[in-house]
Each structure stands twice: as C-alpha cells, then as structure tokens.
Amino acid sequence: MTAPVSYFPALAAPDPQTSAAARDRQDRLTKPRGALGRLEELSVWVAACQGLCPPRQFERARVVVFAGDHGVATAGVSAYPSAVTAAMVTNIDGGGAAVNVLATVADATVRIADIAVDTAQPLSPAIGAHRIRRSSGNIAVEDALSPDEVVEAIEAGRRIADEEVDAGADLLIAGDMGIGNTTPATTLIAALTDTEPVAVVGRGTGIDDAGWARKTAAVRDALYRTRGLSADSVALLRICGGADLAAMAGFCAQAAVRRTPLLLDGMVVTAAALAAEGLAPGAKQWWQAGHRSTEPAHAVALQHLGLQPIVELDMHLGEGSGALVALPVLRAAVATLASMATFEEAGISGG
C-alpha cells in the first residue's frame, strides 16, 4: 500500500489587512454604504484572496470538469445509462455542452479530466492524464476505491490544481460529469453531516418514485459501512465516494493551499468540498458557492460549510454550470471595487 495522502498544511485565511483595506474603500465609494449588498462582501473576499486592494479582474478563470462513472448506476439510481458519461466527455471536449456555452459568456475556459469513466481507454491522452480506474465501485455493496486508489485520486486532483495555477489560473471552478454521481455525493454529505438519507436524497437526473426508493436504499446501505468514520474524509471517499469525488476534494483543497479563489458548483462538487475541508481545515475560506441546486443535500452541505450561494436559479445540471452563471456576478463585484470613484476622487462632499 502507498503512504497516506500527502500532507495539506494548515491554511490561513485570505489576507486580513487587505480585507480591511477593501472594506474601507467600499465605504468611501460614491454610493451609500452597503448599497451594493452582497457585491460588496464578494469584492472584499476577492481582494483578500489576491492580497491586493483594489483587486484585479480575473484574467484566466478556469473550469475543470471531473468525469467519472459509478458502479451504483447499475442499481437503477439514475434516469440515464452510464454510457452517457463518455458521450458527454466527447461533447464537452467538442465544445457542445452547457459548460462550454456558459464559459464563453463568463470569459472562462474549460478542461475535462477523465478520472474514472467507464471506457477501455480515455478519449485522449490529455483528457486521461490523471485517470485512476475504469468506473468506481458500486457503493451499495462494495467500497468505491481501494486504499491505494483513493490516495492516487486525491493526489490527481492536487496535481491538476497545481497545473492550472502554474499555468496562470487566477480563479478555479470545479465541475462534475458522471451518471450516478449524485448517489455517492449524497452519501458523503449524509455521512459528513450526520443526516438521515430520506432528508437528503434527491431526484438527480429526474428519477421516478421507484428510482428514488432504490437510490435511498443504496445510500442507506453505503452509509452502514461508514459508521464511526464521519471524521475521516479519506476513508469516506474510499468507501462511499469515488475516484472523481476524491480528485475533486484534492483539487478544492489544493486551490486553497495555492491561495487561489475557487467557485463551487452544485451538489456533487460541494460534497467533495465537504471532504476537502476535512483534508485541509480552513480551505473553505478560499471558496464561494456559485449557486444552490434543487438537490436537498446541496443545501445541507452549504449550511455545514457556512457558504451562501451567489445565485439560485433552480439549476441541477452539474458540469460547473451554476458556478459559471455566478462568475459574471463575481466579476461585477470586482469591477465595482476596482473602478468606481471614491467620494474624494469624485470631488463629492459628505461621503
């Protein structure tokens, strides 16, 4: 067996001195204090993450979509067959998915990473550069990963974050693609927040009542094997997660290590982020929640992390789509703090 997962150092909060300077500048802009609402809070967060006031506009926002299949899909927990995952990887690579369209609008670029798609070979060497295995195990009856594989998957996510930051990314977005992935994600959230399955199991891709019952049973069975492990993120990712979720956890944790702001997407990504906070306590200070999906587990996870969604549009697609819709709002927050005049600069008294 390989050594335990690489050490994530203790994480400090985004720069408090820059945060104070940003708040002071917000109070001096040509508007009533607090008039821009949450935009003011978001602008202060970006400035603190960058250690710069006023903050810079994002120049290289980067989405990484982590793709992986899950054996639990064979239990009838999804409205679609697992073959759709590989087809969607091809679609994203070709620029035809929602994530591609929304990334263009938000001025971001997209990378797709095959972590555990159920195909004999990845679509291309670049897409499969960090592939761990062919599909994760069926968590209803077996562990998702071996002890070695969970370490390798977390490290894969960590390396992907390093690659993107080293290439100049100044904002990261984690996205997901995988038929059946809401079942392990829901299980992770239930395990990490001590929540009953019936309170968190949603409809995913649009399953009927019978599918919901099968999904709830799968979550319950997987949770039974995680008892006593709610504080062990690595064990939970191994038992009831999957390679893609473990890689996303490593990615979210390493973004914080590299002091790079990150937008979380929907329920699957946020489940991985919950695990990442266990791997790297304090990492959540470097994240914002792009949106809140219609999946009940997503609200539970966000509340546990103390994150407020930027937008709520009843989305539940994944891929990074909700975070990309939120990105222009985050850009607007940066622009107001950076480009608005202060009362002094505008020659207006009474500010």
Protein backbone atom coordinates (compact mmCIF):
# COMPACT_ATOMS: atom_id res chain seq x y z
CA MET A 1 0.00 0.00 0.00
CA THR A 2 1.20 3.54 -0.71
CA ALA A 3 1.86 6.09 2.00
CA PRO A 4 -1.03 8.11 3.45
CA VAL A 5 -2.30 11.06 1.43
CA SER A 6 0.19 13.89 1.17
CA TYR A 7 0.06 16.43 3.93
CA PHE A 8 -2.05 19.55 3.40
CA PRO A 9 -0.54 22.33 5.51
CA ALA A 10 -2.51 24.44 7.97
CA LEU A 11 -4.39 27.04 5.96
CA ALA A 12 -4.55 30.70 6.88
CA ALA A 13 -7.48 32.88 5.93
CA PRO A 14 -7.26 35.27 2.96
CA ASP A 15 -5.22 38.35 3.89
CA PRO A 16 -6.96 40.23 6.77
CA GLN A 17 -5.12 43.52 6.18
CA THR A 18 -6.22 43.62 2.55
CA SER A 19 -9.73 42.70 3.64
CA ALA A 20 -9.80 45.70 5.99
CA ALA A 21 -8.46 47.98 3.26
CA ALA A 22 -11.12 46.73 0.83
CA ARG A 23 -13.89 47.33 3.35
CA ASP A 24 -12.61 50.84 3.92
CA ARG A 25 -12.54 51.53 0.19
CA GLN A 26 -16.08 50.16 -0.18
CA ASP A 27 -17.25 52.62 2.45
CA ARG A 28 -15.69 55.51 0.51
CA LEU A 29 -17.14 54.70 -2.92
CA THR A 30 -19.74 57.03 -4.43
CA LYS A 31 -22.79 55.23 -3.05
CA PRO A 32 -24.49 54.76 0.30
CA ARG A 33 -22.68 52.24 2.49
CA GLY A 34 -23.97 48.75 1.84
CA ALA A 35 -25.99 49.84 -1.20
CA LEU A 36 -24.41 47.17 -3.42
CA GLY A 37 -25.40 44.43 -1.00
CA ARG A 38 -23.59 41.14 -1.40
CA LEU A 39 -21.42 42.53 -4.20
CA GLU A 40 -19.52 44.43 -1.53
CA GLU A 41 -18.84 41.29 0.51
CA LEU A 42 -17.72 39.37 -2.58
CA SER A 43 -15.38 42.15 -3.69
CA VAL A 44 -13.74 42.20 -0.26
CA TRP A 45 -13.27 38.43 -0.43
CA VAL A 46 -11.60 38.60 -3.85
CA ALA A 47 -9.31 41.41 -2.71
CA ALA A 48 -8.30 39.43 0.37
CA CYS A 49 -7.65 36.29 -1.69
CA GLN A 50 -5.46 38.29 -4.08
CA GLY A 51 -3.81 40.29 -1.28
CA LEU A 52 -4.49 43.37 -3.40
CA CYS A 53 -6.79 46.38 -3.00
CA PRO A 54 -8.33 47.31 -5.31
CA PRO A 55 -8.48 43.77 -6.71
CA ARG A 56 -7.59 42.75 -10.26
CA GLN A 57 -10.25 41.50 -12.63
CA PHE A 58 -9.88 37.77 -13.31
CA GLU A 59 -7.75 37.18 -16.39
CA ARG A 60 -7.72 33.38 -16.54
CA ALA A 61 -10.78 31.79 -14.97
CA ARG A 62 -10.55 28.07 -15.47
CA VAL A 63 -13.17 25.31 -15.17
CA VAL A 64 -12.05 21.73 -14.60
CA VAL A 65 -14.80 19.14 -15.14
CA PHE A 66 -14.01 15.89 -13.33
CA ALA A 67 -15.60 12.95 -15.14
CA GLY A 68 -16.22 9.54 -13.64
CA ASP A 69 -18.68 6.68 -13.63
CA HIS A 70 -20.02 4.81 -10.61
CA GLY A 71 -20.95 1.16 -10.31
CA VAL A 72 -24.02 2.09 -8.28
CA ALA A 73 -25.63 3.27 -11.53
CA THR A 74 -26.36 -0.40 -12.25
CA ALA A 75 -28.76 -0.35 -9.27
CA GLY A 76 -31.21 1.84 -11.17
CA VAL A 77 -30.47 5.09 -9.31
CA SER A 78 -30.26 7.25 -12.46
CA ALA A 79 -32.60 8.08 -15.32
CA TYR A 80 -29.73 7.60 -17.80
CA PRO A 81 -27.28 4.76 -18.55
CA SER A 82 -23.61 5.13 -17.70
CA ALA A 83 -22.67 5.25 -21.38
CA VAL A 84 -23.89 8.86 -21.37
CA THR A 85 -20.83 9.90 -19.34
CA ALA A 86 -18.37 9.02 -22.11
CA ALA A 87 -20.64 10.65 -24.69
CA MET A 88 -20.75 13.83 -22.64
CA VAL A 89 -16.96 13.86 -22.25
CA THR A 90 -16.79 13.89 -26.03
CA ASN A 91 -19.41 16.63 -26.17
CA ILE A 92 -17.58 18.83 -23.65
CA ASP A 93 -14.29 18.26 -25.46
CA GLY A 94 -16.00 19.33 -28.69
CA GLY A 95 -17.43 22.50 -27.12
CA GLY A 96 -21.09 21.50 -27.35
CA ALA A 97 -22.15 21.26 -23.70
CA ALA A 98 -23.77 23.79 -21.40
CA VAL A 99 -20.47 24.27 -19.58
CA ASN A 100 -18.81 25.37 -22.84
CA VAL A 101 -21.55 27.84 -23.73
CA LEU A 102 -21.69 29.35 -20.25
CA ALA A 103 -17.90 29.52 -20.02
CA THR A 104 -17.84 31.63 -23.18
CA VAL A 105 -20.37 34.04 -21.66
CA ALA A 106 -18.41 34.23 -18.40
CA ASP A 107 -15.00 34.56 -20.11
CA ALA A 108 -13.63 31.29 -18.77
CA THR A 109 -12.01 28.24 -20.34
CA VAL A 110 -12.83 24.58 -19.82
CA ARG A 111 -10.77 21.45 -19.19
CA ILE A 112 -12.26 17.96 -19.00
CA ALA A 113 -10.44 15.31 -16.94
CA ASP A 114 -11.33 11.61 -17.18
CA ILE A 115 -10.79 10.30 -13.68
CA ALA A 116 -12.88 7.13 -13.84
CA VAL A 117 -15.04 7.00 -16.97
CA ASP A 118 -16.32 3.51 -17.79
CA THR A 119 -14.43 3.05 -21.06
CA ALA A 120 -11.50 0.86 -22.01
CA GLN A 121 -9.40 3.91 -22.83
CA PRO A 122 -9.75 7.65 -22.23
CA LEU A 123 -10.85 9.85 -25.12
CA SER A 124 -7.33 11.24 -25.45
CA PRO A 125 -4.02 11.10 -23.56
CA ALA A 126 -4.51 14.67 -22.30
CA ILE A 127 -8.03 14.02 -21.02
CA GLY A 128 -6.94 10.77 -19.38
CA ALA A 129 -3.64 12.05 -17.99
CA HIS A 130 -4.83 11.59 -14.39
CA ARG A 131 -7.19 8.64 -14.85
CA ILE A 132 -7.36 6.35 -11.82
CA ARG A 133 -9.51 3.42 -12.93
CA ARG A 134 -12.44 2.35 -15.10
CA SER A 135 -15.51 3.36 -13.05
CA SER A 136 -15.65 3.43 -9.27
CA GLY A 137 -17.15 0.53 -7.35
CA ASN A 138 -20.82 0.06 -6.53
CA ILE A 139 -21.02 1.68 -3.10
CA ALA A 140 -24.24 -0.15 -2.24
CA VAL A 141 -22.33 -3.43 -2.00
CA GLU A 142 -18.58 -2.62 -2.02
CA ASP A 143 -16.04 0.13 -1.46
CA ALA A 144 -15.75 2.68 -4.23
CA LEU A 145 -11.95 2.54 -4.26
CA SER A 146 -9.01 0.63 -2.84
CA PRO A 147 -6.80 2.29 -0.21
CA ASP A 148 -4.18 2.96 -2.89
CA GLU A 149 -6.67 4.35 -5.36
CA VAL A 150 -8.16 6.92 -3.00
CA VAL A 151 -4.70 8.31 -2.30
CA GLU A 152 -3.92 8.39 -6.01
CA ALA A 153 -7.21 10.17 -6.78
CA ILE A 154 -6.71 12.86 -4.15
CA GLU A 155 -3.20 13.39 -5.44
CA ALA A 156 -4.52 13.59 -9.01
CA GLY A 157 -6.81 16.44 -8.02
CA ARG A 158 -3.98 18.13 -6.22
CA ARG A 159 -1.74 17.90 -9.29
CA ILE A 160 -4.50 19.24 -11.57
CA ALA A 161 -4.90 22.29 -9.31
CA ASP A 162 -1.14 22.84 -9.38
CA GLU A 163 -1.07 22.52 -13.16
CA GLU A 164 -3.80 25.13 -13.57
CA VAL A 165 -2.37 27.62 -11.08
CA ASP A 166 1.13 27.19 -12.52
CA ALA A 167 -0.35 27.92 -15.97
CA GLY A 168 -1.75 31.22 -14.69
CA ALA A 169 -5.28 30.46 -13.48
CA ASP A 170 -6.43 33.18 -11.08
CA LEU A 171 -9.88 31.67 -10.41
CA LEU A 172 -10.77 27.99 -10.39
CA ILE A 173 -14.15 26.31 -10.82
CA ALA A 174 -14.73 22.62 -10.11
CA GLY A 175 -17.35 20.84 -12.20
CA ASP A 176 -18.56 17.25 -12.43
CA MET A 177 -19.81 14.83 -15.07
CA GLY A 178 -20.88 11.28 -14.31
CA ILE A 179 -24.05 9.24 -14.44
CA GLY A 180 -24.92 8.05 -10.94
CA ASN A 181 -22.60 10.50 -9.18
CA THR A 182 -25.32 12.12 -7.08
CA THR A 183 -25.71 8.85 -5.15
CA PRO A 184 -22.16 8.76 -3.71
CA ALA A 185 -22.21 12.54 -3.32
CA THR A 186 -25.41 12.34 -1.28
CA THR A 187 -23.90 9.54 0.80
CA LEU A 188 -20.80 11.63 1.52
CA ILE A 189 -22.92 14.58 2.62
CA ALA A 190 -25.11 12.38 4.81
CA ALA A 191 -22.04 10.81 6.43
CA LEU A 192 -20.20 14.11 6.97
CA THR A 193 -23.23 15.96 8.35
CA ASP A 194 -24.93 13.07 10.20
CA THR A 195 -28.13 13.45 8.20
CA GLU A 196 -30.72 10.74 7.51
CA PRO A 197 -30.85 9.53 3.86
CA VAL A 198 -34.53 10.40 3.39
CA ALA A 199 -33.73 14.05 4.17
CA VAL A 200 -31.02 14.40 1.54
CA VAL A 201 -31.78 12.02 -1.34
CA GLY A 202 -32.98 13.96 -4.38
CA ARG A 203 -34.17 13.18 -7.88
CA GLY A 204 -30.80 13.63 -9.60
CA THR A 205 -31.30 13.36 -13.36
CA GLY A 206 -35.07 13.06 -12.93
CA ILE A 207 -35.73 9.63 -11.45
CA ASP A 208 -39.28 8.46 -10.63
CA ASP A 209 -40.52 7.32 -7.22
CA ALA A 210 -39.22 3.78 -7.70
CA GLY A 211 -35.81 5.13 -8.69
CA TRP A 212 -35.81 7.40 -5.64
CA ALA A 213 -36.53 4.40 -3.42
CA ARG A 214 -33.65 2.45 -4.99
CA LYS A 215 -31.34 5.43 -4.58
CA THR A 216 -32.32 5.87 -0.93
CA ALA A 217 -31.66 2.20 -0.29
CA ALA A 218 -28.23 2.44 -1.94
CA VAL A 219 -27.33 5.47 0.18
CA ARG A 220 -28.53 3.71 3.33
CA ASP A 221 -26.52 0.57 2.56
CA ALA A 222 -23.37 2.57 1.83
CA LEU A 223 -23.81 4.62 4.99
CA TYR A 224 -23.98 1.45 7.06
CA ARG A 225 -20.40 0.66 6.06
CA THR A 226 -19.20 4.17 7.02
CA ARG A 227 -20.41 4.11 10.63
CA GLY A 228 -17.85 5.58 13.01
CA LEU A 229 -15.87 7.27 10.22
CA SER A 230 -17.56 10.67 9.95
CA ALA A 231 -14.30 12.49 10.82
CA ASP A 232 -12.17 10.56 8.32
CA SER A 233 -12.52 12.17 4.88
CA VAL A 234 -10.09 9.79 3.21
CA ALA A 235 -11.94 6.72 4.47
CA LEU A 236 -15.30 8.14 3.40
CA LEU A 237 -14.04 8.97 -0.08
CA ARG A 238 -12.73 5.41 -0.34
CA ILE A 239 -15.83 3.65 0.96
CA CYS A 240 -18.75 5.71 -0.32
CA GLY A 241 -17.24 8.30 -2.67
CA GLY A 242 -15.35 7.54 -5.85
CA ALA A 243 -12.30 8.48 -7.85
CA ASP A 244 -13.85 11.63 -9.31
CA LEU A 245 -15.07 12.85 -5.92
CA ALA A 246 -11.69 12.18 -4.32
CA ALA A 247 -9.94 14.05 -7.13
CA MET A 248 -12.33 16.99 -6.72
CA ALA A 249 -11.59 17.02 -2.99
CA GLY A 250 -7.86 17.17 -3.66
CA PHE A 251 -8.44 19.91 -6.23
CA CYS A 252 -10.52 22.07 -3.87
CA ALA A 253 -8.04 21.64 -1.02
CA GLN A 254 -5.02 22.43 -3.17
CA ALA A 255 -6.65 25.55 -4.63
CA ALA A 256 -6.74 26.90 -1.08
CA VAL A 257 -3.15 25.81 -0.44
CA ARG A 258 -2.17 27.77 -3.55
CA ARG A 259 -4.19 30.79 -2.32
CA THR A 260 -6.38 30.73 -5.41
CA PRO A 261 -10.08 31.59 -5.10
CA LEU A 262 -12.45 28.83 -6.13
CA LEU A 263 -16.14 28.75 -7.04
CA LEU A 264 -18.01 25.61 -6.07
CA ASP A 265 -20.70 24.34 -8.40
CA GLY A 266 -23.55 22.03 -7.40
CA MET A 267 -24.22 19.21 -5.00
CA VAL A 268 -21.58 16.78 -6.28
CA VAL A 269 -18.76 19.32 -6.15
CA THR A 270 -19.91 20.57 -2.75
CA ALA A 271 -19.89 17.01 -1.39
CA ALA A 272 -16.25 16.76 -2.46
CA ALA A 273 -15.61 20.17 -0.88
CA LEU A 274 -17.01 18.94 2.44
CA ALA A 275 -14.46 16.14 2.33
CA ALA A 276 -11.75 18.61 1.28
CA GLU A 277 -12.40 20.75 4.35
CA GLY A 278 -11.64 17.64 6.38
CA LEU A 279 -8.40 17.12 4.46
CA ALA A 280 -7.35 20.76 4.74
CA PRO A 281 -9.17 22.57 7.57
CA GLY A 282 -9.69 26.22 6.68
CA ALA A 283 -9.83 25.61 2.93
CA LYS A 284 -13.45 26.79 2.81
CA GLN A 285 -12.29 30.36 3.44
CA TRP A 286 -10.95 30.35 -0.12
CA TRP A 287 -14.23 29.19 -1.68
CA GLN A 288 -17.54 30.71 -2.62
CA ALA A 289 -20.69 28.78 -3.50
CA GLY A 290 -21.67 29.60 -7.06
CA HIS A 291 -25.27 28.51 -6.63
CA ARG A 292 -27.66 26.30 -4.71
CA SER A 293 -29.17 23.46 -6.71
CA THR A 294 -32.54 21.82 -6.25
CA GLU A 295 -30.91 18.74 -4.69
CA PRO A 296 -31.79 18.71 -0.95
CA ALA A 297 -28.31 17.51 0.00
CA HIS A 298 -26.78 20.63 -1.51
CA ALA A 299 -28.49 22.95 0.96
CA VAL A 300 -27.37 20.72 3.84
CA ALA A 301 -23.75 20.75 2.65
CA LEU A 302 -23.68 24.52 2.10
CA GLN A 303 -25.10 25.14 5.55
CA HIS A 304 -22.47 22.85 7.06
CA LEU A 305 -19.71 24.78 5.25
CA GLY A 306 -21.22 28.15 6.14
CA LEU A 307 -21.36 29.23 2.49
CA GLN A 308 -24.11 31.36 0.96
CA PRO A 309 -24.86 30.78 -2.74
CA ILE A 310 -24.32 33.68 -5.12
CA VAL A 311 -27.30 32.76 -7.32
CA GLU A 312 -30.33 30.50 -7.04
CA LEU A 313 -31.92 29.58 -10.36
CA ASP A 314 -33.22 26.06 -9.67
CA MET A 315 -30.34 24.56 -11.66
CA HIS A 316 -29.21 20.98 -11.15
CA LEU A 317 -27.09 20.15 -14.19
CA GLY A 318 -23.56 19.98 -12.81
CA GLU A 319 -20.59 20.43 -15.18
CA GLY A 320 -19.70 23.72 -13.44
CA SER A 321 -22.76 25.38 -14.99
CA GLY A 322 -24.13 27.05 -11.86
CA ALA A 323 -20.74 28.42 -10.87
CA LEU A 324 -20.30 29.84 -14.37
CA VAL A 325 -23.63 31.67 -14.14
CA ALA A 326 -22.36 33.17 -10.87
CA LEU A 327 -18.98 34.20 -12.31
CA PRO A 328 -20.24 37.39 -14.03
CA VAL A 329 -21.69 38.46 -10.67
CA LEU A 330 -18.29 37.93 -9.08
CA ARG A 331 -16.69 39.89 -11.91
CA ALA A 332 -19.17 42.71 -11.30
CA ALA A 333 -18.20 42.75 -7.62
CA VAL A 334 -14.52 43.10 -8.55
CA ALA A 335 -15.25 45.83 -11.09
CA THR A 336 -17.22 47.97 -8.66
CA LEU A 337 -14.50 47.94 -6.01
CA ALA A 338 -11.72 48.46 -8.55
CA SER A 339 -13.27 51.03 -10.90
CA MET A 340 -15.83 53.12 -9.04
CA ALA A 341 -14.67 56.52 -7.85
CA THR A 342 -14.46 57.37 -4.17
CA PHE A 343 -16.20 60.48 -2.85
CA GLU A 344 -12.80 62.13 -2.59
CA GLU A 345 -11.83 61.24 -6.18
CA ALA A 346 -15.16 62.50 -7.49
CA GLY A 347 -14.97 65.73 -5.52
CA ILE A 348 -18.23 64.98 -3.72
CA SER A 349 -18.57 66.09 -0.13
CA GLY A 350 -20.49 64.21 2.53
CA GLY A 351 -19.08 60.74 1.77
